[in-house]
């Protein structure tokens, strides 16, 4: 897929969110809001407990999202706004910051360029589950009962692949391959690829291992009710069947410098040791 294009339009609206109870993030949000207002840019602040679909009713062709926090803050904000056409950028006021473009000490330097539209947009794959909204990181289907596994049956494009007892299963995007899927033994996948990473969680069978597929539909059936989690947020405890495929929509990331897979690898290496 063609991943980059220049934005080149003046920003007219900025959605702001910050990690709760983080003083540095709150101060940075206020600084951005003040500067944006001085440039005649509409500012919309997103409350962590606010309503969903804030950006869904408007085309917002010249809007951007700035998230001040960790990866979880960005994922939650994206879920709240519910508009995949709006480019987003994360400033790392969290821990790992695998999705972050900037560290806090870089914000002052780059803010004028961001708000003037002087940046590139990188498109990344999303997953589309049959229940809920598109996800940026991962779809997780797991046993509803804590400490108990359940039988999962998995089919790819309608063809039977396996049936096994496991604690659950993760279906991740390449972007999400550095998150839960990675900690469960999945591979780190270049985010420029359009792919789906399938990672069984603690399967009770030696032959089942993580694998990567392209534009196919994965169908999962469970013996009993299972819990569905989308990008870290619980969607339902009553799921018996789920279908997931790569979405026709993409996530848009603001890029001020070229993305580097080796840099992501080194970031994970330095912060997870």
Protein backbone atom coordinates (compact mmCIF):
# COMPACT_ATOMS: atom_id res chain seq x y z
CA UNK A 1 0.00 0.00 0.00
CA UNK A 2 1.13 3.61 -0.63
CA UNK A 3 1.76 4.81 2.90
CA UNK A 4 2.72 8.49 2.73
CA UNK A 5 1.31 11.69 1.31
CA UNK A 6 1.84 15.34 2.15
CA UNK A 7 -0.97 17.06 4.07
CA UNK A 8 -0.25 20.65 2.98
CA UNK A 9 -3.46 22.24 4.31
CA UNK A 10 -3.86 24.67 7.17
CA UNK A 11 -5.41 23.00 10.19
CA UNK A 12 -8.82 24.46 11.05
CA UNK A 13 -9.75 22.27 14.03
CA UNK A 14 -7.69 20.36 16.59
CA UNK A 15 -9.02 17.70 18.93
CA UNK A 16 -6.99 17.52 22.15
CA UNK A 17 -6.81 14.78 24.76
CA UNK A 18 -4.45 14.09 27.62
CA UNK A 19 -3.63 11.28 30.00
CA UNK A 20 -5.62 11.80 33.23
CA UNK A 21 -3.76 12.90 36.37
CA UNK A 22 -0.60 13.74 34.41
CA UNK A 23 0.40 17.33 35.13
CA UNK A 24 2.87 17.61 32.25
CA UNK A 25 0.26 16.43 29.76
CA UNK A 26 -2.37 18.82 31.14
CA UNK A 27 0.03 21.77 30.89
CA UNK A 28 1.01 20.80 27.33
CA UNK A 29 -2.66 20.57 26.33
CA UNK A 30 -3.29 24.08 27.64
CA UNK A 31 -0.24 25.38 25.77
CA UNK A 32 -1.43 23.82 22.52
CA UNK A 33 -4.97 25.14 23.04
CA UNK A 34 -3.72 28.69 23.65
CA UNK A 35 -1.43 28.66 20.60
CA UNK A 36 -4.08 27.10 18.34
CA UNK A 37 -6.68 29.67 19.42
CA UNK A 38 -4.22 32.49 18.69
CA UNK A 39 -3.95 31.12 15.13
CA UNK A 40 -7.73 31.08 14.66
CA UNK A 41 -7.96 27.28 14.98
CA UNK A 42 -11.04 25.72 16.58
CA UNK A 43 -10.10 23.69 19.69
CA UNK A 44 -12.15 20.70 20.90
CA UNK A 45 -11.04 19.10 24.17
CA UNK A 46 -11.86 15.42 24.59
CA UNK A 47 -12.78 14.27 28.10
CA UNK A 48 -11.65 10.71 28.99
CA UNK A 49 -15.22 9.94 30.07
CA UNK A 50 -16.89 11.95 27.33
CA UNK A 51 -19.29 10.72 24.66
CA UNK A 52 -18.31 8.59 21.66
CA UNK A 53 -18.58 9.77 18.08
CA UNK A 54 -17.42 13.34 18.76
CA UNK A 55 -15.95 13.68 15.26
CA UNK A 56 -18.30 11.38 13.40
CA UNK A 57 -21.04 13.79 12.36
CA UNK A 58 -18.72 16.28 10.65
CA UNK A 59 -16.39 15.64 7.67
CA UNK A 60 -13.60 17.52 9.52
CA UNK A 61 -11.49 17.67 6.36
CA UNK A 62 -8.97 20.05 7.94
CA UNK A 63 -8.98 18.61 11.47
CA UNK A 64 -6.26 16.75 13.38
CA UNK A 65 -6.03 14.90 16.70
CA UNK A 66 -3.24 15.54 19.21
CA UNK A 67 -3.02 13.00 22.03
CA UNK A 68 -0.83 13.73 25.05
CA UNK A 69 -0.17 10.52 26.95
CA UNK A 70 0.76 6.94 26.24
CA UNK A 71 -0.44 4.48 23.63
CA UNK A 72 -3.58 3.79 25.66
CA UNK A 73 -4.53 7.47 25.60
CA UNK A 74 -4.23 7.56 21.82
CA UNK A 75 -6.29 4.39 21.35
CA UNK A 76 -9.02 5.64 23.71
CA UNK A 77 -9.15 9.04 22.01
CA UNK A 78 -9.42 7.44 18.57
CA UNK A 79 -12.33 5.31 19.80
CA UNK A 80 -14.07 8.41 21.18
CA UNK A 81 -13.77 10.47 18.00
CA UNK A 82 -14.79 7.61 15.66
CA UNK A 83 -13.53 9.23 12.46
CA UNK A 84 -10.73 7.41 10.62
CA UNK A 85 -10.26 10.26 8.16
CA UNK A 86 -8.74 12.57 10.82
CA UNK A 87 -4.92 12.38 11.11
CA UNK A 88 -3.58 11.86 14.61
CA UNK A 89 -0.34 12.37 16.48
CA UNK A 90 0.77 11.25 19.92
CA UNK A 91 3.17 13.06 22.25
CA UNK A 92 4.58 10.56 24.74
CA UNK A 93 3.58 11.34 28.31
CA UNK A 94 3.17 7.62 29.06
CA UNK A 95 5.51 4.65 29.25
CA UNK A 96 6.55 2.77 26.14
CA UNK A 97 5.17 5.19 23.56
CA UNK A 98 5.37 2.81 20.59
CA UNK A 99 2.75 4.93 18.78
CA UNK A 100 4.25 8.30 19.73
CA UNK A 101 5.78 10.61 17.16
CA UNK A 102 7.19 13.12 19.66
CA UNK A 103 8.66 13.23 23.12
CA UNK A 104 7.55 16.13 25.38
CA UNK A 105 10.78 18.09 24.87
CA UNK A 106 10.17 18.16 21.10
CA UNK A 107 6.67 19.65 21.20
CA UNK A 108 7.61 23.35 21.18
CA UNK A 109 9.82 22.88 18.12
CA UNK A 110 7.24 21.02 16.03
CA UNK A 111 3.92 22.52 17.11
CA UNK A 112 3.93 25.43 14.60
CA UNK A 113 4.62 23.01 11.73
CA UNK A 114 1.85 20.66 12.89
CA UNK A 115 -0.80 23.37 13.11
CA UNK A 116 0.23 24.92 9.78
CA UNK A 117 -0.26 21.53 8.10
CA UNK A 118 3.42 21.11 7.25
CA UNK A 119 3.61 17.34 7.71
CA UNK A 120 3.15 14.00 6.00
CA UNK A 121 0.35 11.51 6.66
CA UNK A 122 1.16 7.82 6.95
CA UNK A 123 -1.68 5.35 6.41
CA UNK A 124 -1.79 2.13 8.43
CA UNK A 125 -4.00 -0.93 8.39
CA UNK A 126 -7.03 -1.31 10.63
CA UNK A 127 -8.97 -4.44 11.48
CA UNK A 128 -12.73 -4.67 11.01
CA UNK A 129 -14.48 -7.08 13.41
CA UNK A 130 -18.07 -8.20 12.81
CA UNK A 131 -18.93 -6.68 16.22
CA UNK A 132 -17.90 -3.16 17.24
CA UNK A 133 -15.77 -0.58 15.42
CA UNK A 134 -12.50 -0.74 13.52
CA UNK A 135 -9.41 -1.26 15.67
CA UNK A 136 -5.89 0.09 15.39
CA UNK A 137 -4.04 -2.35 17.65
CA UNK A 138 -5.87 -5.59 18.32
CA UNK A 139 -9.02 -7.62 18.70
CA UNK A 140 -8.93 -9.98 21.69
CA UNK A 141 -11.38 -12.81 22.32
CA UNK A 142 -10.81 -14.53 25.65
CA UNK A 143 -12.50 -16.77 28.18
CA UNK A 144 -15.09 -14.92 30.24
CA UNK A 145 -14.24 -16.96 33.35
CA UNK A 146 -10.99 -15.85 34.97
CA UNK A 147 -8.43 -18.64 35.14
CA UNK A 148 -10.31 -20.92 32.76
CA UNK A 149 -9.59 -21.71 29.12
CA UNK A 150 -12.15 -22.61 26.47
CA UNK A 151 -12.29 -24.38 23.11
CA UNK A 152 -11.72 -22.16 20.06
CA UNK A 153 -12.36 -23.16 16.46
CA UNK A 154 -10.61 -21.04 13.84
CA UNK A 155 -11.34 -20.84 10.10
CA UNK A 156 -9.58 -18.75 7.46
CA UNK A 157 -11.71 -17.79 4.44
CA UNK A 158 -14.17 -20.50 5.46
CA UNK A 159 -11.56 -23.26 5.63
CA UNK A 160 -11.02 -25.08 8.92
CA UNK A 161 -7.59 -24.42 10.46
CA UNK A 162 -7.66 -25.73 14.03
CA UNK A 163 -9.69 -26.40 17.15
CA UNK A 164 -7.92 -26.17 20.49
CA UNK A 165 -8.27 -25.22 24.12
CA UNK A 166 -6.70 -21.83 24.91
CA UNK A 167 -7.09 -18.82 27.19
CA UNK A 168 -8.06 -16.77 24.15
CA UNK A 169 -6.80 -15.39 20.87
CA UNK A 170 -5.37 -12.07 19.66
CA UNK A 171 -5.83 -10.70 16.14
CA UNK A 172 -3.51 -7.73 15.70
CA UNK A 173 -2.58 -5.21 13.06
CA UNK A 174 1.10 -4.69 12.23
CA UNK A 175 0.84 -1.51 14.34
CA UNK A 176 -0.48 -3.59 17.24
CA UNK A 177 2.17 -6.27 16.81
CA UNK A 178 4.33 -4.37 19.32
CA UNK A 179 1.63 -4.51 22.03
CA UNK A 180 -0.34 -7.42 23.56
CA UNK A 181 0.42 -9.73 20.63
CA UNK A 182 4.15 -9.17 21.13
CA UNK A 183 3.97 -9.96 24.85
CA UNK A 184 2.03 -13.16 24.04
CA UNK A 185 4.82 -14.42 21.77
CA UNK A 186 3.82 -12.93 18.42
CA UNK A 187 6.29 -11.45 15.92
CA UNK A 188 7.07 -7.77 15.48
CA UNK A 189 5.72 -6.82 12.03
CA UNK A 190 6.58 -3.77 9.93
CA UNK A 191 3.57 -1.38 10.27
CA UNK A 192 3.75 -0.49 6.57
CA UNK A 193 2.38 -3.95 5.69
CA UNK A 194 -1.30 -4.79 5.24
CA UNK A 195 -1.54 -7.93 7.33
CA UNK A 196 -3.20 -9.60 10.31
CA UNK A 197 -1.22 -11.28 13.09
CA UNK A 198 -3.00 -14.20 14.78
CA UNK A 199 -1.68 -15.12 18.24
CA UNK A 200 -3.34 -17.85 20.35
CA UNK A 201 -3.07 -17.11 24.09
CA UNK A 202 -1.60 -20.06 26.02
CA UNK A 203 -2.90 -22.79 23.67
CA UNK A 204 -3.01 -26.28 25.17
CA UNK A 205 -1.56 -27.90 22.06
CA UNK A 206 2.07 -27.96 20.93
CA UNK A 207 1.39 -27.45 17.20
CA UNK A 208 -0.41 -24.09 17.38
CA UNK A 209 1.82 -21.07 16.93
CA UNK A 210 1.35 -17.40 15.95
CA UNK A 211 1.04 -16.73 12.23
CA UNK A 212 0.61 -13.81 9.83
CA UNK A 213 -1.93 -13.65 6.98
CA UNK A 214 -2.93 -11.14 4.33
CA UNK A 215 -6.36 -9.98 3.26
CA UNK A 216 -8.36 -12.96 4.49
CA UNK A 217 -11.32 -13.35 6.82
CA UNK A 218 -10.69 -15.07 10.14
CA UNK A 219 -13.71 -16.65 11.81
CA UNK A 220 -13.54 -17.71 15.45
CA UNK A 221 -16.16 -19.83 17.21
CA UNK A 222 -16.09 -20.52 20.95
CA UNK A 223 -17.64 -23.28 22.99
CA UNK A 224 -19.26 -20.83 25.43
CA UNK A 225 -19.57 -17.11 25.98
CA UNK A 226 -16.33 -15.19 25.52
CA UNK A 227 -15.21 -11.65 26.28
CA UNK A 228 -14.46 -9.38 23.33
CA UNK A 229 -11.92 -6.60 23.88
CA UNK A 230 -11.24 -3.97 21.18
CA UNK A 231 -8.07 -1.89 21.55
CA UNK A 232 -8.04 -2.50 25.28
CA UNK A 233 -11.73 -1.72 25.90
CA UNK A 234 -14.24 -4.43 26.74
CA UNK A 235 -17.05 -4.61 24.20
CA UNK A 236 -19.08 -7.65 25.30
CA UNK A 237 -19.06 -10.72 27.57
CA UNK A 238 -21.53 -12.65 25.42
CA UNK A 239 -19.65 -13.45 22.22
CA UNK A 240 -19.77 -16.95 20.72
CA UNK A 241 -18.64 -16.16 17.17
CA UNK A 242 -16.57 -13.41 15.58
CA UNK A 243 -15.34 -12.61 12.08
CA UNK A 244 -12.38 -10.30 11.51
CA UNK A 245 -10.71 -9.01 8.36
CA UNK A 246 -8.50 -6.09 7.29
CA UNK A 247 -10.61 -2.95 6.99
CA UNK A 248 -11.02 -0.96 3.79
CA UNK A 249 -10.39 2.12 5.93
CA UNK A 250 -6.97 3.13 7.27
CA UNK A 251 -5.64 5.02 10.26
CA UNK A 252 -3.85 8.27 9.46
CA UNK A 253 -0.72 9.13 11.45
CA UNK A 254 0.93 12.56 11.32
CA UNK A 255 4.60 12.13 10.45
CA UNK A 256 7.20 14.84 10.98
CA UNK A 257 10.11 12.50 10.32
CA UNK A 258 10.24 9.23 8.38
CA UNK A 259 9.08 6.14 10.27
CA UNK A 260 11.92 3.70 10.92
CA UNK A 261 11.30 0.04 11.74
CA UNK A 262 14.81 -0.33 13.24
CA UNK A 263 14.07 2.71 15.46
CA UNK A 264 10.87 1.04 16.70
CA UNK A 265 12.84 -2.15 17.39
CA UNK A 266 15.46 -0.21 19.37
CA UNK A 267 12.74 1.65 21.31
CA UNK A 268 11.15 -1.64 22.35
CA UNK A 269 14.55 -3.10 23.16
CA UNK A 270 15.54 -0.18 25.39
CA UNK A 271 12.21 0.18 27.23
CA UNK A 272 11.26 -3.47 27.71
CA UNK A 273 14.57 -4.70 29.14
